[in-house]
Amino acid sequence: MARLPVKLQPGASSDRIDGWDVDAEGRPVLKVRLRARPVDGEANTALIKFLAKALGVSRSSVDLARGGQSRLKMIEIAGLDDAALKTRLDGIVAAGRAFG
């Protein structure tokens, strides 16, 4: 199971992955923008759906492990190891693809 730290910006103009950033402690986080608003868990649900589509895995493989009320989240992806996750994300970031 791979673990992915995410910095989410809800209420954006489009759904997209902006690349890598670092958190306050210097750890890498994936920057993701979504149109969904942070109301009644909408943004969290949209994030899971968005990441599943972007990574080519089922929605049931993606789980919000931590950060339900925060912009910094920890996502767990079943069926991928950290190396496979990094390879897929690097391809997405390099291509500058938006999903939606």
PDB file of N, CA and C in Angstrom:
ATOM      1  N   MET A   1       0.838  -1.182   0.000  1.00  0.00           N
ATOM      2  CA  MET A   1       0.000   0.000   0.000  1.00  0.00           C
ATOM      3  C   MET A   1       0.882   1.244   0.000  1.00  0.00           C
ATOM      4  N   ALA A   2       0.596   2.147  -0.930  1.00  0.00           N
ATOM      5  CA  ALA A   2       1.360   3.391  -1.022  1.00  0.00           C
ATOM      6  C   ALA A   2       0.665   4.483  -0.224  1.00  0.00           C
ATOM      7  N   ARG A   3       1.456   5.386   0.311  1.00  0.00           N
ATOM      8  CA  ARG A   3       0.937   6.537   1.059  1.00  0.00           C
ATOM      9  C   ARG A   3       1.341   7.804   0.315  1.00  0.00           C
ATOM     10  N   LEU A   4       0.371   8.694   0.145  1.00  0.00           N
ATOM     11  CA  LEU A   4       0.581   9.909  -0.626  1.00  0.00           C
ATOM     12  C   LEU A   4       0.135  11.128   0.173  1.00  0.00           C
ATOM     13  N   PRO A   5       1.068  11.993   0.561  1.00  0.00           N
ATOM     14  CA  PRO A   5       0.677  13.246   1.212  1.00  0.00           C
ATOM     15  C   PRO A   5       0.205  14.241   0.153  1.00  0.00           C
ATOM     16  N   VAL A   6      -0.933  14.887   0.415  1.00  0.00           N
ATOM     17  CA  VAL A   6      -1.549  15.792  -0.544  1.00  0.00           C
ATOM     18  C   VAL A   6      -1.856  17.121   0.122  1.00  0.00           C
ATOM     19  N   LYS A   7      -1.589  18.198  -0.604  1.00  0.00           N
ATOM     20  CA  LYS A   7      -2.005  19.541  -0.194  1.00  0.00           C
ATOM     21  C   LYS A   7      -3.127  19.928  -1.143  1.00  0.00           C
ATOM     22  N   LEU A   8      -4.350  20.017  -0.615  1.00  0.00           N
ATOM     23  CA  LEU A   8      -5.536  20.224  -1.444  1.00  0.00           C
ATOM     24  C   LEU A   8      -5.967  21.682  -1.445  1.00  0.00           C
ATOM     25  N   GLN A   9      -6.273  22.199  -2.623  1.00  0.00           N
ATOM     26  CA  GLN A   9      -6.885  23.521  -2.754  1.00  0.00           C
ATOM     27  C   GLN A   9      -8.268  23.334  -3.351  1.00  0.00           C
ATOM     28  N   PRO A  10      -9.304  23.366  -2.514  1.00  0.00           N
ATOM     29  CA  PRO A  10     -10.664  23.241  -3.030  1.00  0.00           C
ATOM     30  C   PRO A  10     -11.133  24.568  -3.627  1.00  0.00           C
ATOM     31  N   GLY A  11     -12.194  24.509  -4.416  1.00  0.00           N
ATOM     32  CA  GLY A  11     -12.769  25.719  -4.994  1.00  0.00           C
ATOM     33  C   GLY A  11     -11.943  26.316  -6.122  1.00  0.00           C
ATOM     34  N   ALA A  12     -11.111  25.521  -6.765  1.00  0.00           N
ATOM     35  CA  ALA A  12     -10.273  25.997  -7.870  1.00  0.00           C
ATOM     36  C   ALA A  12     -11.099  26.090  -9.156  1.00  0.00           C
ATOM     37  N   SER A  13     -10.523  26.682 -10.174  1.00  0.00           N
ATOM     38  CA  SER A  13     -11.233  26.828 -11.441  1.00  0.00           C
ATOM     39  C   SER A  13     -11.239  25.543 -12.269  1.00  0.00           C
ATOM     40  N   SER A  14     -10.309  24.621 -11.966  1.00  0.00           N
ATOM     41  CA  SER A  14     -10.270  23.342 -12.680  1.00  0.00           C
ATOM     42  C   SER A  14      -9.668  22.278 -11.774  1.00  0.00           C
ATOM     43  N   ASP A  15      -9.884  21.027 -12.139  1.00  0.00           N
ATOM     44  CA  ASP A  15      -9.308  19.903 -11.407  1.00  0.00           C
ATOM     45  C   ASP A  15      -7.957  19.588 -12.020  1.00  0.00           C
ATOM     46  N   ARG A  16      -6.901  19.674 -11.229  1.00  0.00           N
ATOM     47  CA  ARG A  16      -5.578  19.382 -11.782  1.00  0.00           C
ATOM     48  C   ARG A  16      -4.560  19.115 -10.687  1.00  0.00           C
ATOM     49  N   ILE A  17      -3.470  18.483 -11.102  1.00  0.00           N
ATOM     50  CA  ILE A  17      -2.317  18.257 -10.235  1.00  0.00           C
ATOM     51  C   ILE A  17      -1.280  19.299 -10.612  1.00  0.00           C
ATOM     52  N   ASP A  18      -0.835  20.070  -9.619  1.00  0.00           N
ATOM     53  CA  ASP A  18       0.112  21.158  -9.876  1.00  0.00           C
ATOM     54  C   ASP A  18       1.562  20.756  -9.671  1.00  0.00           C
ATOM     55  N   GLY A  19       1.810  19.553  -9.208  1.00  0.00           N
ATOM     56  CA  GLY A  19       3.184  19.112  -8.999  1.00  0.00           C
ATOM     57  C   GLY A  19       3.510  18.963  -7.533  1.00  0.00           C
ATOM     58  N   TRP A  20       4.782  18.959  -7.249  1.00  0.00           N
ATOM     59  CA  TRP A  20       5.256  18.705  -5.887  1.00  0.00           C
ATOM     60  C   TRP A  20       5.598  20.000  -5.165  1.00  0.00           C
ATOM     61  N   ASP A  21       5.343  20.017  -3.871  1.00  0.00           N
ATOM     62  CA  ASP A  21       5.674  21.127  -2.984  1.00  0.00           C
ATOM     63  C   ASP A  21       6.244  20.500  -1.715  1.00  0.00           C
ATOM     64  N   VAL A  22       6.547  21.300  -0.716  1.00  0.00           N
ATOM     65  CA  VAL A  22       6.978  20.781   0.583  1.00  0.00           C
ATOM     66  C   VAL A  22       6.080  21.367   1.667  1.00  0.00           C
ATOM     67  N   ASP A  23       5.854  20.586   2.719  1.00  0.00           N
ATOM     68  CA  ASP A  23       5.062  21.083   3.840  1.00  0.00           C
ATOM     69  C   ASP A  23       5.953  21.900   4.769  1.00  0.00           C
ATOM     70  N   ALA A  24       5.416  22.328   5.899  1.00  0.00           N
ATOM     71  CA  ALA A  24       6.149  23.175   6.840  1.00  0.00           C
ATOM     72  C   ALA A  24       7.385  22.482   7.410  1.00  0.00           C
ATOM     73  N   GLU A  25       7.401  21.155   7.377  1.00  0.00           N
ATOM     74  CA  GLU A  25       8.526  20.402   7.920  1.00  0.00           C
ATOM     75  C   GLU A  25       9.482  19.911   6.830  1.00  0.00           C
ATOM     76  N   GLY A  26       9.281  20.377   5.597  1.00  0.00           N
ATOM     77  CA  GLY A  26      10.190  20.028   4.512  1.00  0.00           C
ATOM     78  C   GLY A  26       9.912  18.709   3.821  1.00  0.00           C
ATOM     79  N   ARG A  27       8.780  18.079   4.105  1.00  0.00           N
ATOM     80  CA  ARG A  27       8.424  16.808   3.465  1.00  0.00           C
ATOM     81  C   ARG A  27       7.675  17.082   2.164  1.00  0.00           C
ATOM     82  N   PRO A  28       7.895  16.262   1.138  1.00  0.00           N
ATOM     83  CA  PRO A  28       7.204  16.487  -0.132  1.00  0.00           C
ATOM     84  C   PRO A  28       5.709  16.199  -0.033  1.00  0.00           C
ATOM     85  N   VAL A  29       4.918  17.040  -0.685  1.00  0.00           N
ATOM     86  CA  VAL A  29       3.465  16.857  -0.783  1.00  0.00           C
ATOM     87  C   VAL A  29       3.042  17.141  -2.218  1.00  0.00           C
ATOM     88  N   LEU A  30       2.039  16.426  -2.680  1.00  0.00           N
ATOM     89  CA  LEU A  30       1.506  16.634  -4.014  1.00  0.00           C
ATOM     90  C   LEU A  30       0.446  17.731  -3.948  1.00  0.00           C
ATOM     91  N   LYS A  31       0.591  18.762  -4.768  1.00  0.00           N
ATOM     92  CA  LYS A  31      -0.387  19.854  -4.809  1.00  0.00           C
ATOM     93  C   LYS A  31      -1.495  19.495  -5.791  1.00  0.00           C
ATOM     94  N   VAL A  32      -2.731  19.509  -5.280  1.00  0.00           N
ATOM     95  CA  VAL A  32      -3.899  19.168  -6.092  1.00  0.00           C
ATOM     96  C   VAL A  32      -4.931  20.286  -5.946  1.00  0.00           C
ATOM     97  N   ARG A  33      -5.493  20.705  -7.078  1.00  0.00           N
ATOM     98  CA  ARG A  33      -6.575  21.700  -7.091  1.00  0.00           C
ATOM     99  C   ARG A  33      -7.838  21.017  -7.591  1.00  0.00           C
ATOM    100  N   LEU A  34      -8.954  21.289  -6.904  1.00  0.00           N
ATOM    101  CA  LEU A  34     -10.241  20.713  -7.300  1.00  0.00           C
ATOM    102  C   LEU A  34     -11.318  21.783  -7.297  1.00  0.00           C
ATOM    103  N   ARG A  35     -12.295  21.634  -8.184  1.00  0.00           N
ATOM    104  CA  ARG A  35     -13.427  22.565  -8.223  1.00  0.00           C
ATOM    105  C   ARG A  35     -14.349  22.387  -7.025  1.00  0.00           C
ATOM    106  N   ALA A  36     -14.399  21.212  -6.460  1.00  0.00           N
ATOM    107  CA  ALA A  36     -15.316  20.920  -5.352  1.00  0.00           C
ATOM    108  C   ALA A  36     -15.037  21.830  -4.160  1.00  0.00           C
ATOM    109  N   ARG A  37     -16.089  22.187  -3.472  1.00  0.00           N
ATOM    110  CA  ARG A  37     -15.997  23.034  -2.279  1.00  0.00           C
ATOM    111  C   ARG A  37     -15.821  22.173  -1.029  1.00  0.00           C
ATOM    112  N   PRO A  38     -15.185  22.729   0.001  1.00  0.00           N
ATOM    113  CA  PRO A  38     -15.001  21.965   1.243  1.00  0.00           C
ATOM    114  C   PRO A  38     -16.247  22.005   2.133  1.00  0.00           C
ATOM    115  N   VAL A  39     -17.368  21.548   1.593  1.00  0.00           N
ATOM    116  CA  VAL A  39     -18.635  21.556   2.315  1.00  0.00           C
ATOM    117  C   VAL A  39     -19.162  20.130   2.383  1.00  0.00           C
ATOM    118  N   ASP A  40     -19.481  19.684   3.578  1.00  0.00           N
ATOM    119  CA  ASP A  40     -20.053  18.347   3.781  1.00  0.00           C
ATOM    120  C   ASP A  40     -19.208  17.237   3.157  1.00  0.00           C
ATOM    121  N   GLY A  41     -17.894  17.374   3.189  1.00  0.00           N
ATOM    122  CA  GLY A  41     -17.000  16.342   2.686  1.00  0.00           C
ATOM    123  C   GLY A  41     -16.907  16.260   1.170  1.00  0.00           C
ATOM    124  N   GLU A  42     -17.500  17.240   0.459  1.00  0.00           N
ATOM    125  CA  GLU A  42     -17.483  17.236  -1.007  1.00  0.00           C
ATOM    126  C   GLU A  42     -16.075  17.181  -1.575  1.00  0.00           C
ATOM    127  N   ALA A  43     -15.190  18.012  -1.035  1.00  0.00           N
ATOM    128  CA  ALA A  43     -13.818  18.078  -1.558  1.00  0.00           C
ATOM    129  C   ALA A  43     -13.086  16.759  -1.314  1.00  0.00           C
ATOM    130  N   ASN A  44     -13.286  16.143  -0.163  1.00  0.00           N
ATOM    131  CA  ASN A  44     -12.627  14.863   0.127  1.00  0.00           C
ATOM    132  C   ASN A  44     -13.105  13.769  -0.828  1.00  0.00           C
ATOM    133  N   THR A  45     -14.410  13.726  -1.062  1.00  0.00           N
ATOM    134  CA  THR A  45     -14.968  12.745  -1.994  1.00  0.00           C
ATOM    135  C   THR A  45     -14.434  12.977  -3.402  1.00  0.00           C
ATOM    136  N   ALA A  46     -14.394  14.242  -3.799  1.00  0.00           N
ATOM    137  CA  ALA A  46     -13.889  14.580  -5.134  1.00  0.00           C
ATOM    138  C   ALA A  46     -12.403  14.237  -5.257  1.00  0.00           C
ATOM    139  N   LEU A  47     -11.641  14.440  -4.185  1.00  0.00           N
ATOM    140  CA  LEU A  47     -10.216  14.119  -4.210  1.00  0.00           C
ATOM    141  C   LEU A  47      -9.992  12.626  -4.433  1.00  0.00           C
ATOM    142  N   ILE A  48     -10.736  11.799  -3.740  1.00  0.00           N
ATOM    143  CA  ILE A  48     -10.595  10.346  -3.895  1.00  0.00           C
ATOM    144  C   ILE A  48     -10.936   9.929  -5.320  1.00  0.00           C
ATOM    145  N   LYS A  49     -12.032  10.445  -5.849  1.00  0.00           N
ATOM    146  CA  LYS A  49     -12.447  10.123  -7.222  1.00  0.00           C
ATOM    147  C   LYS A  49     -11.396  10.609  -8.225  1.00  0.00           C
ATOM    148  N   PHE A  50     -10.905  11.829  -8.040  1.00  0.00           N
ATOM    149  CA  PHE A  50      -9.919  12.427  -8.935  1.00  0.00           C
ATOM    150  C   PHE A  50      -8.618  11.632  -8.942  1.00  0.00           C
ATOM    151  N   LEU A  51      -8.101  11.296  -7.757  1.00  0.00           N
ATOM    152  CA  LEU A  51      -6.843  10.550  -7.685  1.00  0.00           C
ATOM    153  C   LEU A  51      -6.982   9.151  -8.266  1.00  0.00           C
ATOM    154  N   ALA A  52      -8.124   8.499  -8.025  1.00  0.00           N
ATOM    155  CA  ALA A  52      -8.344   7.169  -8.594  1.00  0.00           C
ATOM    156  C   ALA A  52      -8.285   7.228 -10.115  1.00  0.00           C
ATOM    157  N   LYS A  53      -8.946   8.206 -10.705  1.00  0.00           N
ATOM    158  CA  LYS A  53      -8.949   8.349 -12.165  1.00  0.00           C
ATOM    159  C   LYS A  53      -7.541   8.673 -12.664  1.00  0.00           C
ATOM    160  N   ALA A  54      -6.868   9.616 -12.017  1.00  0.00           N
ATOM    161  CA  ALA A  54      -5.534  10.038 -12.459  1.00  0.00           C
ATOM    162  C   ALA A  54      -4.528   8.897 -12.392  1.00  0.00           C
ATOM    163  N   LEU A  55      -4.637   8.076 -11.348  1.00  0.00           N
ATOM    164  CA  LEU A  55      -3.674   6.989 -11.142  1.00  0.00           C
ATOM    165  C   LEU A  55      -4.076   5.689 -11.840  1.00  0.00           C
ATOM    166  N   GLY A  56      -5.283   5.641 -12.372  1.00  0.00           N
ATOM    167  CA  GLY A  56      -5.733   4.442 -13.069  1.00  0.00           C
ATOM    168  C   GLY A  56      -6.034   3.280 -12.138  1.00  0.00           C
ATOM    169  N   VAL A  57      -6.583   3.597 -10.955  1.00  0.00           N
ATOM    170  CA  VAL A  57      -6.969   2.559  -9.997  1.00  0.00           C
ATOM    171  C   VAL A  57      -8.444   2.736  -9.663  1.00  0.00           C
ATOM    172  N   SER A  58      -9.032   1.727  -9.035  1.00  0.00           N
ATOM    173  CA  SER A  58     -10.441   1.822  -8.658  1.00  0.00           C
ATOM    174  C   SER A  58     -10.611   2.788  -7.492  1.00  0.00           C
ATOM    175  N   ARG A  59     -11.803   3.369  -7.392  1.00  0.00           N
ATOM    176  CA  ARG A  59     -12.086   4.281  -6.277  1.00  0.00           C
ATOM    177  C   ARG A  59     -11.942   3.590  -4.930  1.00  0.00           C
ATOM    178  N   SER A  60     -12.284   2.322  -4.884  1.00  0.00           N
ATOM    179  CA  SER A  60     -12.206   1.600  -3.612  1.00  0.00           C
ATOM    180  C   SER A  60     -10.762   1.370  -3.174  1.00  0.00           C
ATOM    181  N   SER A  61      -9.802   1.569  -4.073  1.00  0.00           N
ATOM    182  CA  SER A  61      -8.388   1.420  -3.735  1.00  0.00           C
ATOM    183  C   SER A  61      -7.821   2.666  -3.073  1.00  0.00           C
ATOM    184  N   VAL A  62      -8.536   3.774  -3.144  1.00  0.00           N
ATOM    185  CA  VAL A  62      -8.048   5.056  -2.627  1.00  0.00           C
ATOM    186  C   VAL A  62      -8.803   5.394  -1.356  1.00  0.00           C
ATOM    187  N   ASP A  63      -8.059   5.726  -0.301  1.00  0.00           N
ATOM    188  CA  ASP A  63      -8.671   5.987   0.997  1.00  0.00           C
ATOM    189  C   ASP A  63      -8.049   7.211   1.643  1.00  0.00           C
ATOM    190  N   LEU A  64      -8.882   8.043   2.251  1.00  0.00           N
ATOM    191  CA  LEU A  64      -8.408   9.192   3.020  1.00  0.00           C
ATOM    192  C   LEU A  64      -8.043   8.688   4.410  1.00  0.00           C
ATOM    193  N   ALA A  65      -6.748   8.591   4.684  1.00  0.00           N
ATOM    194  CA  ALA A  65      -6.285   8.048   5.960  1.00  0.00           C
ATOM    195  C   ALA A  65      -6.227   9.109   7.052  1.00  0.00           C
ATOM    196  N   ARG A  66      -5.933  10.353   6.651  1.00  0.00           N
ATOM    197  CA  ARG A  66      -5.761  11.429   7.634  1.00  0.00           C
ATOM    198  C   ARG A  66      -6.039  12.772   6.969  1.00  0.00           C
ATOM    199  N   GLY A  67      -6.559  13.719   7.754  1.00  0.00           N
ATOM    200  CA  GLY A  67      -6.709  15.082   7.275  1.00  0.00           C
ATOM    201  C   GLY A  67      -8.060  15.429   6.706  1.00  0.00           C
ATOM    202  N   GLY A  68      -9.115  14.799   7.184  1.00  0.00           N
ATOM    203  CA  GLY A  68     -10.453  15.064   6.665  1.00  0.00           C
ATOM    204  C   GLY A  68     -10.882  16.508   6.767  1.00  0.00           C
ATOM    205  N   GLN A  69     -10.416  17.237   7.773  1.00  0.00           N
ATOM    206  CA  GLN A  69     -10.798  18.633   7.972  1.00  0.00           C
ATOM    207  C   GLN A  69      -9.660  19.598   7.666  1.00  0.00           C
ATOM    208  N   SER A  70      -8.610  19.110   7.040  1.00  0.00           N
ATOM    209  CA  SER A  70      -7.408  19.898   6.795  1.00  0.00           C
ATOM    210  C   SER A  70      -7.091  19.941   5.304  1.00  0.00           C
ATOM    211  N   ARG A  71      -6.310  20.923   4.884  1.00  0.00           N
ATOM    212  CA  ARG A  71      -5.851  20.955   3.492  1.00  0.00           C
ATOM    213  C   ARG A  71      -4.731  19.937   3.262  1.00  0.00           C
ATOM    214  N   LEU A  72      -4.000  19.605   4.321  1.00  0.00           N
ATOM    215  CA  LEU A  72      -2.961  18.574   4.221  1.00  0.00           C
ATOM    216  C   LEU A  72      -3.582  17.228   4.548  1.00  0.00           C
ATOM    217  N   LYS A  73      -3.501  16.314   3.613  1.00  0.00           N
ATOM    218  CA  LYS A  73      -4.155  15.009   3.757  1.00  0.00           C
ATOM    219  C   LYS A  73      -3.157  13.888   3.498  1.00  0.00           C
ATOM    220  N   MET A  74      -3.436  12.735   4.065  1.00  0.00           N
ATOM    221  CA  MET A  74      -2.659  11.535   3.777  1.00  0.00           C
ATOM    222  C   MET A  74      -3.603  10.552   3.099  1.00  0.00           C
ATOM    223  N   ILE A  75      -3.255  10.183   1.884  1.00  0.00           N
ATOM    224  CA  ILE A  75      -4.059   9.265   1.080  1.00  0.00           C
ATOM    225  C   ILE A  75      -3.329   7.931   1.008  1.00  0.00           C
ATOM    226  N   GLU A  76      -4.064   6.840   1.146  1.00  0.00           N
ATOM    227  CA  GLU A  76      -3.503   5.499   0.984  1.00  0.00           C
ATOM    228  C   GLU A  76      -4.082   4.884  -0.275  1.00  0.00           C
ATOM    229  N   ILE A  77      -3.211   4.278  -1.081  1.00  0.00           N
ATOM    230  CA  ILE A  77      -3.626   3.654  -2.332  1.00  0.00           C
ATOM    231  C   ILE A  77      -3.267   2.175  -2.283  1.00  0.00           C
ATOM    232  N   ALA A  78      -4.279   1.336  -2.226  1.00  0.00           N
ATOM    233  CA  ALA A  78      -4.072  -0.111  -2.201  1.00  0.00           C
ATOM    234  C   ALA A  78      -3.716  -0.591  -3.606  1.00  0.00           C
ATOM    235  N   GLY A  79      -2.868  -1.595  -3.667  1.00  0.00           N
ATOM    236  CA  GLY A  79      -2.513  -2.185  -4.950  1.00  0.00           C
ATOM    237  C   GLY A  79      -1.312  -1.540  -5.625  1.00  0.00           C
ATOM    238  N   LEU A  80      -0.781  -0.476  -5.043  1.00  0.00           N
ATOM    239  CA  LEU A  80       0.426   0.164  -5.560  1.00  0.00           C
ATOM    240  C   LEU A  80       1.445   0.263  -4.439  1.00  0.00           C
ATOM    241  N   ASP A  81       2.725   0.103  -4.785  1.00  0.00           N
ATOM    242  CA  ASP A  81       3.759   0.389  -3.790  1.00  0.00           C
ATOM    243  C   ASP A  81       4.250   1.813  -4.030  1.00  0.00           C
ATOM    244  N   ASP A  82       5.095   2.317  -3.148  1.00  0.00           N
ATOM    245  CA  ASP A  82       5.551   3.705  -3.247  1.00  0.00           C
ATOM    246  C   ASP A  82       6.280   3.985  -4.561  1.00  0.00           C
ATOM    247  N   ALA A  83       7.071   3.026  -5.049  1.00  0.00           N
ATOM    248  CA  ALA A  83       7.822   3.227  -6.291  1.00  0.00           C
ATOM    249  C   ALA A  83       6.877   3.333  -7.488  1.00  0.00           C
ATOM    250  N   ALA A  84       5.870   2.467  -7.552  1.00  0.00           N
ATOM    251  CA  ALA A  84       4.909   2.509  -8.657  1.00  0.00           C
ATOM    252  C   ALA A  84       4.097   3.797  -8.609  1.00  0.00           C
ATOM    253  N   LEU A  85       3.727   4.235  -7.412  1.00  0.00           N
ATOM    254  CA  LEU A  85       2.985   5.480  -7.254  1.00  0.00           C
ATOM    255  C   LEU A  85       3.816   6.659  -7.738  1.00  0.00           C
ATOM    256  N   LYS A  86       5.068   6.708  -7.342  1.00  0.00           N
ATOM    257  CA  LYS A  86       5.955   7.807  -7.747  1.00  0.00           C
ATOM    258  C   LYS A  86       6.125   7.837  -9.265  1.00  0.00           C
ATOM    259  N   THR A  87       6.276   6.682  -9.880  1.00  0.00           N
ATOM    260  CA  THR A  87       6.424   6.615 -11.337  1.00  0.00           C
ATOM    261  C   THR A  87       5.187   7.163 -12.037  1.00  0.00           C
ATOM    262  N   ARG A  88       4.010   6.768 -11.573  1.00  0.00           N
ATOM    263  CA  ARG A  88       2.770   7.256 -12.193  1.00  0.00           C
ATOM    264  C   ARG A  88       2.609   8.760 -12.005  1.00  0.00           C
ATOM    265  N   LEU A  89       2.877   9.239 -10.789  1.00  0.00           N
ATOM    266  CA  LEU A  89       2.727  10.668 -10.521  1.00  0.00           C
ATOM    267  C   LEU A  89       3.741  11.500 -11.284  1.00  0.00           C
ATOM    268  N   ASP A  90       4.958  11.019 -11.394  1.00  0.00           N
ATOM    269  CA  ASP A  90       5.980  11.758 -12.143  1.00  0.00           C
ATOM    270  C   ASP A  90       5.564  11.902 -13.612  1.00  0.00           C
ATOM    271  N   GLY A  91       4.947  10.862 -14.172  1.00  0.00           N
ATOM    272  CA  GLY A  91       4.465  10.936 -15.541  1.00  0.00           C
ATOM    273  C   GLY A  91       3.340  11.947 -15.693  1.00  0.00           C
ATOM    274  N   ILE A  92       2.432  11.982 -14.730  1.00  0.00           N
ATOM    275  CA  ILE A  92       1.327  12.929 -14.755  1.00  0.00           C
ATOM    276  C   ILE A  92       1.826  14.361 -14.626  1.00  0.00           C
ATOM    277  N   VAL A  93       2.730  14.582 -13.679  1.00  0.00           N
ATOM    278  CA  VAL A  93       3.275  15.932 -13.446  1.00  0.00           C
ATOM    279  C   VAL A  93       4.070  16.397 -14.666  1.00  0.00           C
ATOM    280  N   ALA A  94       4.881  15.524 -15.230  1.00  0.00           N
ATOM    281  CA  ALA A  94       5.690  15.891 -16.389  1.00  0.00           C
ATOM    282  C   ALA A  94       4.817  16.248 -17.595  1.00  0.00           C
ATOM    283  N   ALA A  95       3.698  15.560 -17.738  1.00  0.00           N
ATOM    284  CA  ALA A  95       2.816  15.817 -18.866  1.00  0.00           C
ATOM    285  C   ALA A  95       1.931  17.037 -18.624  1.00  0.00           C
ATOM    286  N   GLY A  96       1.846  17.478 -17.360  1.00  0.00           N
ATOM    287  CA  GLY A  96       1.025  18.638 -17.033  1.00  0.00           C
ATOM    288  C   GLY A  96      -0.445  18.413 -17.301  1.00  0.00           C
ATOM    289  N   ARG A  97      -0.912  17.192 -17.075  1.00  0.00           N
ATOM    290  CA  ARG A  97      -2.285  16.837 -17.404  1.00  0.00           C
ATOM    291  C   ARG A  97      -3.263  17.299 -16.332  1.00  0.00           C
ATOM    292  N   ALA A  98      -4.423  17.723 -16.778  1.00  0.00           N
ATOM    293  CA  ALA A  98      -5.550  17.991 -15.904  1.00  0.00           C
ATOM    294  C   ALA A  98      -6.585  16.893 -16.131  1.00  0.00           C
ATOM    295  N   PHE A  99      -7.344  16.589 -15.131  1.00  0.00           N
ATOM    296  CA  PHE A  99      -8.364  15.543 -15.221  1.00  0.00           C
ATOM    297  C   PHE A  99      -9.693  16.153 -14.826  1.00  0.00           C
ATOM    298  N   GLY A 100     -10.776  15.556 -15.256  1.00  0.00           N
ATOM    299  CA  GLY A 100     -12.043  16.082 -14.813  1.00  0.00           C
ATOM    300  C   GLY A 100     -13.191  15.633 -15.579  1.00  0.00           C
TER     301      GLY A 100
END
